[in-house]
Protein backbone atom coordinates (compact mmCIF):
# COMPACT_ATOMS: atom_id res chain seq x y z
CA MET A 1 52.24 120.40 97.04
CA LYS A 2 54.14 123.44 98.39
CA CYS A 3 56.63 121.39 100.34
CA GLU A 4 57.73 122.28 103.85
CA LEU A 5 58.28 118.78 105.16
CA CYS A 6 61.95 119.31 106.03
CA PRO A 7 63.74 122.24 107.73
CA ARG A 8 64.83 123.60 104.34
CA ARG A 9 61.17 124.61 103.80
CA CYS A 10 61.88 125.29 100.15
CA ALA A 11 58.12 125.60 99.41
CA VAL A 12 58.63 124.15 95.95
CA ASP A 13 55.51 122.80 94.27
CA ARG A 14 56.62 119.17 94.18
CA ASP A 15 53.55 118.21 92.17
CA SER A 16 55.53 119.32 89.15
CA GLN A 17 58.95 120.50 90.35
CA VAL A 18 61.99 119.11 92.13
CA GLY A 19 62.58 120.29 95.69
CA MET A 20 65.87 120.81 97.49
CA CYS A 21 65.67 117.10 98.29
CA GLY A 22 66.19 116.37 94.58
CA VAL A 23 62.80 114.78 93.86
CA THR A 24 59.17 115.54 93.13
CA LYS A 25 56.37 114.20 95.31
CA GLU A 26 56.46 110.86 93.44
CA VAL A 27 58.06 108.16 95.59
CA LYS A 28 61.36 106.84 94.25
CA ILE A 29 62.97 103.76 95.80
CA VAL A 30 66.39 102.32 95.03
CA ARG A 31 66.36 99.17 97.15
CA ALA A 32 64.03 97.18 99.43
CA ALA A 33 65.73 94.23 101.07
CA LEU A 34 66.85 92.63 104.30
CA HIS A 35 69.80 94.48 105.82
CA MET A 36 72.08 92.85 108.40
CA TRP A 37 74.30 95.78 109.37
CA GLU A 38 72.12 97.98 111.52
CA GLU A 39 72.32 98.01 115.32
CA PRO A 40 71.71 94.60 116.97
CA PRO A 41 68.12 95.26 118.15
CA ILE A 42 67.23 96.50 114.66
CA SER A 43 68.87 93.88 112.41
CA GLY A 44 68.75 90.92 114.78
CA GLU A 45 69.34 87.58 113.09
CA GLY A 46 66.74 87.92 110.36
CA GLY A 47 67.61 91.40 109.12
CA SER A 48 65.95 94.78 109.01
CA GLY A 49 63.50 95.35 106.18
CA THR A 50 65.16 98.41 104.70
CA VAL A 51 63.54 100.64 102.11
CA PHE A 52 66.12 103.03 100.65
CA PHE A 53 64.53 106.17 99.24
CA SER A 54 66.00 108.40 96.55
CA GLY A 55 66.88 112.00 97.33
CA CYS A 56 67.85 113.76 100.57
CA PRO A 57 67.19 117.19 102.11
CA LEU A 58 70.61 117.49 103.78
CA HIS A 59 73.27 116.73 101.13
CA CYS A 60 76.35 116.20 103.31
CA VAL A 61 79.63 116.55 101.43
CA TYR A 62 80.79 113.16 102.73
CA CYS A 63 77.56 111.27 102.04
CA GLN A 64 78.13 107.52 101.81
CA ASN A 65 74.96 107.13 99.76
CA SER A 66 75.83 109.75 97.16
CA ASP A 67 74.71 107.38 94.41
CA ILE A 68 71.12 107.96 95.49
CA SER A 69 71.00 111.15 97.57
CA ASP A 70 70.83 113.48 94.56
CA GLY A 71 67.47 112.00 93.60
CA ARG A 72 68.39 110.78 90.12
CA ALA A 73 68.50 107.06 90.88
CA GLY A 74 65.56 104.86 91.70
CA LYS A 75 62.22 103.61 90.47
CA THR A 76 58.96 105.48 90.93
CA VAL A 77 56.31 103.57 92.88
CA THR A 78 52.78 104.28 94.01
CA VAL A 79 51.67 104.50 97.63
CA ASP A 80 49.94 101.13 97.24
CA ARG A 81 53.15 99.58 95.90
CA LEU A 82 55.09 101.00 98.86
CA ALA A 83 52.59 99.29 101.17
CA GLU A 84 53.05 96.01 99.25
CA ILE A 85 56.83 96.28 99.61
CA MET A 86 56.44 96.53 103.37
CA LEU A 87 54.30 93.40 103.42
CA GLU A 88 56.77 91.56 101.19
CA LEU A 89 59.62 92.40 103.55
CA GLU A 90 57.59 91.02 106.45
CA GLU A 91 57.07 87.79 104.49
CA LYS A 92 60.85 87.56 104.00
CA GLY A 93 61.35 87.54 107.77
CA ALA A 94 62.24 91.17 108.47
CA HIS A 95 62.17 92.26 112.11
CA ASN A 96 60.90 95.72 111.18
CA ILE A 97 60.31 98.08 108.27
CA ASN A 98 63.26 100.46 108.11
CA LEU A 99 62.59 103.62 106.09
CA VAL A 100 65.96 105.12 105.11
CA THR A 101 66.09 108.88 104.36
CA PRO A 102 62.30 109.16 104.47
CA THR A 103 61.71 112.82 105.35
CA HIS A 104 60.71 114.12 101.93
CA TYR A 105 58.25 111.23 101.44
CA VAL A 106 56.30 111.55 104.69
CA HIS A 107 53.25 112.56 102.66
CA ALA A 108 53.27 109.07 101.08
CA ILE A 109 54.68 107.06 103.97
CA MET A 110 51.79 107.73 106.33
CA PRO A 111 49.06 106.41 104.01
CA ALA A 112 51.31 103.53 102.88
CA VAL A 113 51.86 102.37 106.47
CA LYS A 114 48.13 102.62 107.17
CA THR A 115 47.34 100.54 104.08
CA ALA A 116 49.95 97.94 105.00
CA ARG A 117 48.68 97.70 108.56
CA ASP A 118 45.10 97.37 107.34
CA LYS A 119 46.36 94.39 105.32
CA GLY A 120 48.06 92.75 108.29
CA LEU A 121 51.49 94.36 108.72
CA SER A 122 52.54 93.80 112.33
CA LEU A 123 56.15 94.99 112.31
CA PRO A 124 57.51 98.14 113.96
CA ILE A 125 58.19 101.06 111.63
CA VAL A 126 61.73 102.47 111.86
CA TYR A 127 62.32 106.05 110.72
CA ASN A 128 66.00 106.18 109.72
CA THR A 129 66.97 109.84 109.46
CA SER A 130 69.83 112.32 109.42
CA GLY A 131 68.18 114.06 112.38
CA TYR A 132 67.46 117.15 110.30
CA GLU A 133 63.71 117.14 110.88
CA ARG A 134 60.93 119.61 111.57
CA VAL A 135 59.11 119.13 114.86
CA GLU A 136 55.82 119.49 112.97
CA THR A 137 56.72 116.56 110.71
CA ILE A 138 57.68 114.36 113.67
CA LYS A 139 54.40 115.19 115.38
CA ALA A 140 52.50 114.28 112.21
CA LEU A 141 54.16 110.84 112.32
CA ASN A 142 52.82 110.09 115.81
CA GLY A 143 51.12 106.71 115.58
CA THR A 144 52.91 105.82 112.34
CA VAL A 145 56.53 105.48 113.52
CA ASP A 146 57.56 103.19 116.38
CA ILE A 147 61.35 103.58 116.36
CA TYR A 148 63.53 106.55 115.48
CA LEU A 149 67.02 105.68 114.26
CA THR A 150 68.36 109.21 114.10
CA ASP A 151 71.74 110.80 113.56
CA PHE A 152 73.05 113.66 115.65
CA ARG A 153 75.91 114.95 113.50
CA TYR A 154 76.90 118.39 114.73
CA ILE A 155 76.80 120.65 117.74
CA THR A 156 78.82 123.47 116.12
CA PRO A 157 76.84 125.55 113.58
CA SER A 158 79.89 126.43 111.48
CA LEU A 159 80.79 122.75 111.08
CA ALA A 160 77.20 121.95 110.13
CA GLU A 161 77.32 124.71 107.54
CA ARG A 162 80.67 123.56 106.11
CA TYR A 163 79.74 119.91 105.72
CA SER A 164 75.95 120.02 105.23
CA GLY A 165 75.02 123.60 104.35
CA ALA A 166 72.81 123.71 107.45
CA SER A 167 74.07 126.01 110.20
CA ASP A 168 70.77 125.47 112.02
CA TYR A 169 71.36 121.71 112.28
CA PRO A 170 72.30 121.61 116.02
CA GLU A 171 69.17 123.42 117.18
CA VAL A 172 66.92 121.67 114.67
CA ALA A 173 68.23 118.20 115.53
CA LEU A 174 67.87 118.77 119.28
CA ASN A 175 64.27 119.97 118.94
CA ALA A 176 63.47 117.06 116.64
CA LEU A 177 65.00 114.58 119.09
CA ARG A 178 62.80 115.93 121.87
CA ALA A 179 59.76 115.43 119.65
CA MET A 180 60.83 111.87 118.75
CA ILE A 181 61.14 110.86 122.40
CA GLN A 182 57.82 112.48 123.23
CA SER A 183 56.24 110.53 120.38
CA VAL A 184 57.52 106.99 121.03
CA GLY A 185 58.63 107.09 124.67
CA ASP A 186 61.33 105.09 126.40
CA PRO A 187 62.89 102.04 124.70
CA VAL A 188 60.84 98.84 124.67
CA PHE A 189 62.19 95.42 123.64
CA ASP A 190 60.63 92.02 123.07
CA ASP A 191 61.82 88.78 124.68
CA ASP A 192 64.38 88.30 121.89
CA GLY A 193 65.98 91.69 122.48
CA MET A 194 64.49 93.32 119.39
CA MET A 195 63.44 96.94 119.76
CA LYS A 196 59.72 97.56 119.49
CA LYS A 197 59.67 101.22 120.44
CA GLY A 198 62.26 103.83 121.22
CA VAL A 199 65.01 106.10 119.94
CA ILE A 200 68.58 105.26 118.93
CA VAL A 201 70.90 108.24 118.47
CA ARG A 202 73.68 107.60 115.98
CA GLN A 203 76.96 109.47 116.22
CA LEU A 204 79.15 109.12 113.14
CA VAL A 205 82.62 110.12 114.31
CA LEU A 206 84.23 112.29 111.64
CA PRO A 207 88.01 112.56 111.09
CA GLY A 208 89.46 115.13 113.45
CA GLN A 209 86.13 115.67 115.20
CA SER A 210 86.36 113.60 118.38
CA ASP A 211 85.76 116.69 120.52
CA GLU A 212 82.63 117.50 118.51
CA ALA A 213 81.32 113.97 119.03
CA MET A 214 82.00 114.07 122.76
CA LYS A 215 80.14 117.37 123.10
CA ILE A 216 77.16 115.80 121.35
CA THR A 217 77.24 112.86 123.75
CA ASP A 218 77.36 115.27 126.69
CA LEU A 219 74.38 117.24 125.40
CA VAL A 220 72.18 114.28 124.54
CA TYR A 221 72.94 112.29 127.70
CA ARG A 222 72.53 115.34 129.95
CA GLU A 223 69.09 116.08 128.53
CA PHE A 224 67.70 112.63 127.78
CA GLY A 225 69.69 110.12 129.83
CA ASP A 226 68.50 106.55 129.40
CA SER A 227 65.52 107.59 127.28
CA VAL A 228 67.75 106.95 124.26
CA PHE A 229 70.31 104.39 123.15
CA PHE A 230 73.57 105.66 121.73
CA SER A 231 75.26 104.20 118.64
CA ILE A 232 78.83 105.44 118.24
CA MET A 233 79.94 104.72 114.70
CA SER A 234 83.45 104.37 113.26
CA GLN A 235 82.43 103.63 109.68
CA PHE A 236 83.22 106.98 108.06
CA THR A 237 84.55 106.22 104.57
CA PRO A 238 85.71 108.84 102.04
CA THR A 239 83.90 108.13 98.77
CA GLU A 240 84.74 108.96 95.18
CA TYR A 241 82.25 111.83 95.33
CA LEU A 242 84.10 113.73 98.06
CA ASP A 243 85.68 116.99 96.86
CA ARG A 244 89.16 116.27 98.13
CA GLU A 245 90.51 119.71 97.32
CA ARG A 246 87.86 121.51 99.34
CA PHE A 247 87.73 119.00 102.19
CA PRO A 248 91.20 117.48 102.56
CA GLU A 249 90.56 116.81 106.25
CA LEU A 250 87.93 114.24 105.28
CA CYS A 251 90.20 112.24 102.98
CA ARG A 252 90.84 109.52 105.54
CA THR A 253 89.06 107.18 107.89
CA VAL A 254 88.78 107.78 111.63
CA THR A 255 91.76 106.57 113.64
CA GLU A 256 91.39 104.03 116.41
CA GLU A 257 92.55 106.66 118.89
CA GLU A 258 89.93 109.16 117.74
CA TYR A 259 87.14 106.63 118.00
CA ASP A 260 88.28 105.27 121.36
CA ARG A 261 88.29 108.79 122.83
CA VAL A 262 84.59 109.15 122.01
CA ALA A 263 83.65 105.67 123.21
CA GLU A 264 85.59 106.02 126.46
CA HIS A 265 84.12 109.46 127.11
CA ALA A 266 80.61 108.06 126.77
CA ALA A 267 81.41 105.41 129.36
CA ASP A 268 83.02 107.99 131.65
CA ILE A 269 79.92 110.17 131.79
CA GLY A 270 77.68 107.19 132.56
CA VAL A 271 76.31 106.01 129.23
CA THR A 272 75.48 102.31 129.55
CA GLN A 273 72.80 101.96 126.88
CA GLY A 274 74.51 101.89 123.54
CA PHE A 275 76.45 100.20 120.79
CA LEU A 276 80.02 100.43 119.56
CA GLN A 277 81.32 99.63 116.08
CA GLU A 278 84.49 97.77 115.19
CA GLY A 279 87.18 99.54 113.17
CA GLU A 280 86.73 97.38 110.09
CA ALA A 281 83.31 99.00 109.66
CA ALA A 282 85.06 101.77 107.72
CA SER A 283 84.63 100.01 104.44
CA ASP A 284 82.58 100.29 101.29
CA SER A 285 81.25 96.82 102.11
CA PHE A 286 78.77 98.48 104.49
CA ILE A 287 77.25 100.41 101.59
CA PRO A 288 74.64 98.16 99.96
CA PRO A 289 74.17 97.90 96.20
CA PHE A 290 71.44 100.25 95.03
CA ASP A 291 70.21 97.91 92.33
CA LEU A 292 66.41 98.18 92.66
CA GLU A 293 66.21 94.85 94.51
CA GLY A 294 62.72 94.36 95.92
CA VAL A 295 61.29 97.43 94.19
């Protein structure tokens, strides 16, 4: 498997080697459980059926899931077991199946979803991603994914390079977002307000980067308007893994003033479809335990 699933396109033979994502082609999961802290139309009252995967193609310096993003944690499962996990989450009352950091496992996710649906799975599939995606991979997921819960982290290439080693992130994320919207269309909700199809664009406001966040809002709203929902997030939390000498500017949470600037700007330019996050979200309590529950 010469892997080119993500924009890194490292072409590593993941049949026997570890890619830039930190894993081979074998699926590794660190947690599969109901999650109450996603956006309201994703978590609802019953919870989102989250499947946290091990590894990540992006490797942001401030990653809040550093315990698992390097690919070392987790339990290896088969495609059939992944399908069973989805069905088990449905039995527990999940509103959807929420695949967290799934990019490098698309080769297994597509057959697993098909198997689960053949066995009766009726829930929407949520693709929960950093936004760093190849258009070709998004197109391959057409018919598999119903909802994209995608970050849009940077509009400035130098900032993307400094924090994620990906100067191409702005262009890549914009092209991927176009493909996501083309794939699933405008937002659709059921009678209870739960999302069945659509795209939610997450904006994690970084310390000192209110202007960056506002430029992202401008870009996304100008191009896509009400075809997406915005989720402006205040939960940035410096973790023990952050290199505080190299990135001293990230050694704090976002101030109320910084966050309010972004939220108010979104309202000023006409954004009405979206979600805001309270200040107390900047806490380790929003990082679930990666304890192999449900795996």
